[in-house]
Amino acid sequence: MAVIVRKMRDEDAHSFLEVHHAAVRGTAAKDYPQAVIEDWAPLPITRRRIAGLLANPDNEVRIVAEIDDEIVGIGALVLEKFELRACYVTPNASRNGVGSALVWEIEKIALNHGLEKLQLDSSLSAVPFYCALGYAVSEHGEHVLHSGQRMACVKMEKPLIRS
């Protein structure tokens, strides 16, 4: 299965949110209470949520990963904050190199913009994945969702090296 990573287009917004919801509800749900899951990936996916994503208030650089023309992974980078904001993969596509391909592309974009490091708030579920890609734990903490709901996270970082 070939993984193709490309920039997100506006018409991908619904699929972008679907991947996010599938990953949160299918993979991360085992590590968090239901109240956190509901705020982290609220259903249904509405036109309002899509419009909010497309408004892009944090100026995220967004990418998607496809297998056989189906979006199965998403990623986001906030250049101003040196932040790897998102890397989500649908449960049925996990362990196929999709997440790694997304992170490598995010790191490449970051390097091309002159960033020397990336930081992130990892879900409890994703810590082993990020560790395998060279990210180090800096501290355990909380991430505050848009609703104000707090969720446990692990703050991680990685220096970026030009090859």
Protein backbone atom coordinates (compact mmCIF):
# COMPACT_ATOMS: atom_id res chain seq x y z
CA MET A 1 0.00 0.00 0.00
CA ALA A 2 1.48 3.29 -1.11
CA VAL A 3 0.93 6.23 1.23
CA ILE A 4 0.61 9.58 -0.52
CA VAL A 5 0.97 12.70 1.63
CA ARG A 6 -0.23 16.02 0.25
CA LYS A 7 -1.48 19.42 1.35
CA MET A 8 -5.08 19.48 2.57
CA ARG A 9 -7.56 21.10 0.19
CA ASP A 10 -10.78 22.81 1.28
CA GLU A 11 -12.83 19.97 -0.16
CA ASP A 12 -10.98 17.59 2.20
CA ALA A 13 -12.37 19.30 5.34
CA HIS A 14 -15.11 16.76 6.07
CA SER A 15 -12.71 13.84 5.56
CA PHE A 16 -10.13 15.61 7.73
CA LEU A 17 -12.63 15.74 10.60
CA GLU A 18 -13.76 12.16 9.96
CA VAL A 19 -10.19 10.91 10.35
CA HIS A 20 -9.76 12.93 13.54
CA HIS A 21 -12.97 11.49 14.99
CA ALA A 22 -12.14 7.92 13.97
CA ALA A 23 -8.70 8.13 15.56
CA VAL A 24 -9.89 9.73 18.79
CA ARG A 25 -12.94 7.51 19.19
CA GLY A 26 -11.25 4.33 17.97
CA THR A 27 -7.69 4.57 19.25
CA ALA A 28 -7.42 7.14 22.04
CA ALA A 29 -10.75 6.32 23.69
CA LYS A 30 -9.14 3.56 25.77
CA ASP A 31 -6.96 6.11 27.58
CA TYR A 32 -9.49 8.87 28.34
CA PRO A 33 -12.87 9.30 30.04
CA GLN A 34 -15.93 9.60 27.80
CA ALA A 35 -16.36 13.31 28.64
CA VAL A 36 -12.91 14.06 27.20
CA ILE A 37 -13.61 11.99 24.07
CA GLU A 38 -16.91 13.81 23.49
CA ASP A 39 -15.24 17.23 23.72
CA TRP A 40 -12.15 16.18 21.75
CA ALA A 41 -14.13 14.69 18.86
CA PRO A 42 -17.71 15.99 19.09
CA LEU A 43 -20.39 14.44 16.92
CA PRO A 44 -21.99 15.02 14.55
CA ILE A 45 -19.64 16.64 12.07
CA THR A 46 -21.66 19.71 11.13
CA ARG A 47 -21.29 22.45 8.54
CA ARG A 48 -20.41 24.76 11.41
CA ARG A 49 -17.50 22.51 12.47
CA ILE A 50 -16.31 22.31 8.88
CA ALA A 51 -16.49 26.10 8.57
CA GLY A 52 -14.52 26.42 11.81
CA LEU A 53 -11.84 24.11 10.47
CA LEU A 54 -11.63 26.04 7.20
CA ALA A 55 -11.42 29.38 9.06
CA ASN A 56 -8.08 28.12 10.40
CA PRO A 57 -7.65 30.70 13.18
CA ASP A 58 -4.24 29.31 14.24
CA ASN A 59 -2.88 29.36 10.69
CA GLU A 60 -2.17 25.62 10.71
CA VAL A 61 -0.32 24.02 7.83
CA ARG A 62 -2.48 20.95 7.18
CA ILE A 63 -1.68 17.78 5.31
CA VAL A 64 -3.49 14.54 4.56
CA ALA A 65 -2.33 11.00 3.86
CA GLU A 66 -4.09 8.85 1.31
CA ILE A 67 -4.10 5.16 0.51
CA ASP A 68 -5.90 4.22 -2.70
CA ASP A 69 -7.37 7.76 -2.97
CA GLU A 70 -8.92 7.56 0.51
CA ILE A 71 -7.84 9.99 3.23
CA VAL A 72 -6.67 7.83 6.14
CA GLY A 73 -4.43 10.24 8.03
CA ILE A 74 -4.16 13.93 8.85
CA GLY A 75 -1.46 16.20 10.18
CA ALA A 76 -1.12 19.83 11.22
CA LEU A 77 1.74 22.16 12.05
CA VAL A 78 1.67 25.61 13.67
CA LEU A 79 4.88 27.24 12.49
CA GLU A 80 4.70 30.25 14.85
CA LYS A 81 4.59 27.95 17.89
CA PHE A 82 7.07 25.32 16.61
CA GLU A 83 4.17 22.94 17.24
CA LEU A 84 3.36 19.64 15.66
CA ARG A 85 -0.35 20.16 16.30
CA ALA A 86 -1.88 16.97 14.94
CA CYS A 87 -1.14 13.53 13.62
CA TYR A 88 -4.13 11.21 13.44
CA VAL A 89 -4.61 7.96 11.54
CA THR A 90 -7.80 5.94 11.15
CA PRO A 91 -7.67 2.70 13.14
CA ASN A 92 -8.01 0.57 9.99
CA ALA A 93 -4.90 2.22 8.48
CA SER A 94 -2.71 2.30 11.58
CA ARG A 95 0.58 0.41 11.61
CA ASN A 96 1.01 0.91 7.86
CA GLY A 97 3.48 3.81 7.95
CA VAL A 98 0.81 6.49 7.60
CA GLY A 99 1.61 8.29 10.86
CA SER A 100 5.35 8.18 10.21
CA ALA A 101 4.85 9.57 6.70
CA LEU A 102 2.79 12.44 8.11
CA VAL A 103 5.34 13.30 10.80
CA TRP A 104 8.24 13.16 8.33
CA GLU A 105 6.38 15.54 6.01
CA ILE A 106 5.59 17.90 8.91
CA GLU A 107 9.26 17.86 9.91
CA LYS A 108 10.29 18.59 6.32
CA ILE A 109 7.90 21.55 6.15
CA ALA A 110 9.18 22.81 9.50
CA LEU A 111 12.80 22.59 8.33
CA ASN A 112 11.92 24.37 5.07
CA HIS A 113 10.54 27.22 7.20
CA GLY A 114 13.72 27.42 9.27
CA LEU A 115 12.47 25.71 12.41
CA GLU A 116 15.14 23.95 14.46
CA LYS A 117 12.81 22.00 16.75
CA LEU A 118 9.24 20.83 17.13
CA GLN A 119 7.17 20.42 20.26
CA LEU A 120 3.83 18.75 20.81
CA ASP A 121 1.23 17.73 23.34
CA SER A 122 0.92 13.99 22.83
CA SER A 123 -2.11 12.01 23.85
CA LEU A 124 -1.33 9.23 26.29
CA SER A 125 -2.02 6.78 23.45
CA ALA A 126 0.54 8.29 21.07
CA VAL A 127 3.60 8.59 23.32
CA PRO A 128 5.26 5.32 22.12
CA PHE A 129 4.70 6.38 18.49
CA TYR A 130 6.40 9.76 18.97
CA CYS A 131 9.23 8.22 21.02
CA ALA A 132 9.92 5.83 18.14
CA LEU A 133 10.28 8.87 15.85
CA GLY A 134 12.86 10.54 18.11
CA TYR A 135 10.64 12.78 20.24
CA ALA A 136 11.58 13.03 23.92
CA VAL A 137 9.29 13.55 26.88
CA SER A 138 9.80 16.97 28.46
CA GLU A 139 6.99 16.78 31.03
CA HIS A 140 3.59 15.35 31.85
CA GLY A 141 0.82 17.89 31.83
CA GLU A 142 -2.61 18.86 30.62
CA HIS A 143 -3.89 19.98 27.27
CA VAL A 144 -6.93 22.27 27.25
CA LEU A 145 -9.45 21.54 24.49
CA HIS A 146 -11.39 24.35 22.77
CA SER A 147 -14.34 23.66 25.09
CA GLY A 148 -12.15 24.24 28.15
CA GLN A 149 -12.12 20.51 28.96
CA ARG A 150 -8.75 19.43 30.31
CA MET A 151 -7.09 16.19 29.27
CA ALA A 152 -3.89 14.51 30.35
CA CYS A 153 -1.06 14.82 27.86
CA VAL A 154 2.66 14.31 27.57
CA LYS A 155 4.67 17.27 26.34
CA MET A 156 7.37 16.18 23.92
CA GLU A 157 9.99 17.81 21.71
CA LYS A 158 12.56 16.99 19.08
CA PRO A 159 15.42 18.95 17.56
CA LEU A 160 15.28 18.99 13.78
CA ILE A 161 18.41 18.22 11.83
CA ARG A 162 18.98 19.05 8.19
CA SER A 163 20.08 16.04 6.23
